[in-house]
C-alpha atoms as a PDB file:
ATOM      1  CA  MET A   1     103.904-221.456 -31.931  1.00  0.00           C
ATOM      2  CA  SER A   2     104.439-217.738 -32.203  1.00  0.00           C
ATOM      3  CA  ASN A   3     104.074-215.746 -35.373  1.00  0.00           C
ATOM      4  CA  PRO A   4     107.574-214.992 -36.778  1.00  0.00           C
ATOM      5  CA  SER A   5     106.586-211.597 -38.150  1.00  0.00           C
ATOM      6  CA  LYS A   6     105.122-210.526 -34.801  1.00  0.00           C
ATOM      7  CA  ARG A   7     108.233-211.738 -33.005  1.00  0.00           C
ATOM      8  CA  SER A   8     110.573-209.854 -35.349  1.00  0.00           C
ATOM      9  CA  TYR A   9     108.432-206.708 -34.993  1.00  0.00           C
ATOM     10  CA  LEU A  10     108.820-206.822 -31.214  1.00  0.00           C
ATOM     11  CA  GLU A  11     112.532-207.682 -31.397  1.00  0.00           C
ATOM     12  CA  THR A  12     113.101-204.687 -33.654  1.00  0.00           C
ATOM     13  CA  GLY A  13     111.009-202.558 -31.329  1.00  0.00           C
ATOM     14  CA  VAL A  14     113.052-203.609 -28.311  1.00  0.00           C
ATOM     15  CA  VAL A  15     116.310-202.654 -30.035  1.00  0.00           C
ATOM     16  CA  LEU A  16     114.886-199.310 -31.168  1.00  0.00           C
ATOM     17  CA  GLY A  17     113.385-198.790 -27.699  1.00  0.00           C
ATOM     18  CA  TRP A  18     116.760-199.199 -26.023  1.00  0.00           C
ATOM     19  CA  ILE A  19     118.390-196.841 -28.513  1.00  0.00           C
ATOM     20  CA  THR A  20     115.742-194.131 -28.187  1.00  0.00           C
ATOM     21  CA  GLY A  21     115.618-194.586 -24.417  1.00  0.00           C
ATOM     22  CA  LEU A  22     119.373-194.149 -24.101  1.00  0.00           C
ATOM     23  CA  LEU A  23     119.412-191.098 -26.374  1.00  0.00           C
ATOM     24  CA  THR A  24     116.488-189.589 -24.473  1.00  0.00           C
ATOM     25  CA  PHE A  25     118.214-190.161 -21.159  1.00  0.00           C
ATOM     26  CA  ILE A  26     121.409-188.478 -22.348  1.00  0.00           C
ATOM     27  CA  ALA A  27     119.563-185.501 -23.831  1.00  0.00           C
ATOM     28  CA  ALA A  28     117.329-185.025 -20.784  1.00  0.00           C
ATOM     29  CA  TYR A  29     120.303-185.342 -18.407  1.00  0.00           C
ATOM     30  CA  ILE A  30     122.232-182.687 -20.306  1.00  0.00           C
ATOM     31  CA  TYR A  31     119.104-180.486 -20.258  1.00  0.00           C
ATOM     32  CA  CYS A  32     118.769-180.902 -16.478  1.00  0.00           C
ATOM     33  CA  ILE A  33     122.410-179.983 -15.917  1.00  0.00           C
ATOM     34  CA  ALA A  34     122.109-176.920 -18.184  1.00  0.00           C
ATOM     35  CA  THR A  35     118.831-175.786 -16.633  1.00  0.00           C
ATOM     36  CA  TYR A  36     119.279-176.473 -12.925  1.00  0.00           C
ATOM     37  CA  GLY A  37     123.025-176.014 -12.613  1.00  0.00           C
ATOM     38  CA  PHE A  38     125.857-178.375 -11.937  1.00  0.00           C
ATOM     39  CA  LEU A  39     124.923-179.334  -8.381  1.00  0.00           C
ATOM     40  CA  PHE A  40     121.197-180.053  -8.760  1.00  0.00           C
ATOM     41  CA  GLY A  41     121.307-181.079 -12.407  1.00  0.00           C
ATOM     42  CA  LEU A  42     124.111-183.572 -12.011  1.00  0.00           C
ATOM     43  CA  GLY A  43     122.968-184.823  -8.634  1.00  0.00           C
ATOM     44  CA  LEU A  44     119.229-185.130  -9.213  1.00  0.00           C
ATOM     45  CA  GLY A  45     118.837-184.891 -12.979  1.00  0.00           C
ATOM     46  CA  TRP A  46     119.133-188.634 -13.463  1.00  0.00           C
ATOM     47  CA  LEU A  47     115.722-189.204 -11.849  1.00  0.00           C
ATOM     48  CA  PRO A  48     113.470-187.297 -14.304  1.00  0.00           C
ATOM     49  CA  SER A  49     115.788-188.300 -17.135  1.00  0.00           C
ATOM     50  CA  GLY A  50     115.353-191.975 -16.264  1.00  0.00           C
ATOM     51  CA  ILE A  51     111.589-191.675 -15.981  1.00  0.00           C
ATOM     52  CA  LEU A  52     111.324-189.918 -19.348  1.00  0.00           C
ATOM     53  CA  ALA A  53     113.696-192.406 -20.990  1.00  0.00           C
ATOM     54  CA  ALA A  54     111.647-195.358 -19.679  1.00  0.00           C
ATOM     55  CA  ILE A  55     108.433-193.853 -21.035  1.00  0.00           C
ATOM     56  CA  VAL A  56     109.904-193.027 -24.460  1.00  0.00           C
ATOM     57  CA  GLY A  57     111.680-196.375 -24.746  1.00  0.00           C
ATOM     58  CA  GLY A  58     108.587-198.308 -23.703  1.00  0.00           C
ATOM     59  CA  LEU A  59     106.385-196.498 -26.194  1.00  0.00           C
ATOM     60  CA  THR A  60     108.929-196.974 -28.971  1.00  0.00           C
ATOM     61  CA  VAL A  61     108.777-200.755 -28.580  1.00  0.00           C
ATOM     62  CA  PHE A  62     105.169-200.832 -29.744  1.00  0.00           C
ATOM     63  CA  LEU A  63     104.757-197.615 -31.741  1.00  0.00           C
ATOM     64  CA  TRP A  64     107.795-197.584 -34.032  1.00  0.00           C
ATOM     65  CA  GLY A  65     105.835-199.127 -36.922  1.00  0.00           C
ATOM     66  CA  PRO A  66     102.981-196.602 -36.988  1.00  0.00           C
ATOM     67  CA  ALA A  67     105.509-193.769 -36.599  1.00  0.00           C
ATOM     68  CA  ILE A  68     107.346-194.909 -39.751  1.00  0.00           C
ATOM     69  CA  VAL A  69     104.075-195.226 -41.675  1.00  0.00           C
ATOM     70  CA  ALA A  70     103.021-191.726 -40.570  1.00  0.00           C
ATOM     71  CA  ALA A  71     106.413-190.285 -41.520  1.00  0.00           C
ATOM     72  CA  LYS A  72     106.257-191.950 -44.930  1.00  0.00           C
ATOM     73  CA  ARG A  73     102.757-190.579 -45.576  1.00  0.00           C
ATOM     74  CA  THR A  74     103.912-187.114 -44.538  1.00  0.00           C
ATOM     75  CA  VAL A  75     106.808-187.238 -46.996  1.00  0.00           C
ATOM     76  CA  VAL A  76     104.522-188.465 -49.807  1.00  0.00           C
ATOM     77  CA  PHE A  77     101.987-185.735 -48.975  1.00  0.00           C
ATOM     78  CA  ALA A  78     104.723-183.071 -48.940  1.00  0.00           C
ATOM     79  CA  ASN A  79     105.947-184.222 -52.369  1.00  0.00           C
ATOM     80  CA  VAL A  80     102.439-184.006 -53.795  1.00  0.00           C
ATOM     81  CA  VAL A  81     101.919-180.512 -52.384  1.00  0.00           C
ATOM     82  CA  VAL A  82     105.265-179.316 -53.780  1.00  0.00           C
ATOM     83  CA  GLN A  83     104.527-180.709 -57.251  1.00  0.00           C
ATOM     84  CA  MET A  84     101.166-178.941 -57.457  1.00  0.00           C
END
């Protein structure tokens, strides 16, 4: 049998991976269109945008937990520094 907490961690990661992958694709596609013009950006911009989105989405599946822990520690550290 599989560990329920491990399964829910991966299921959450897959959902977050799809969301971040989609947002990355949209942002990179808009960047390609703005940078390389309408013809090249619209026609060929989907390729690097798709590659980047696949990388970011794939990494998010497994690294969303440590990213939240690091962000939480950063916020706690910033609060301590401000209070001193």
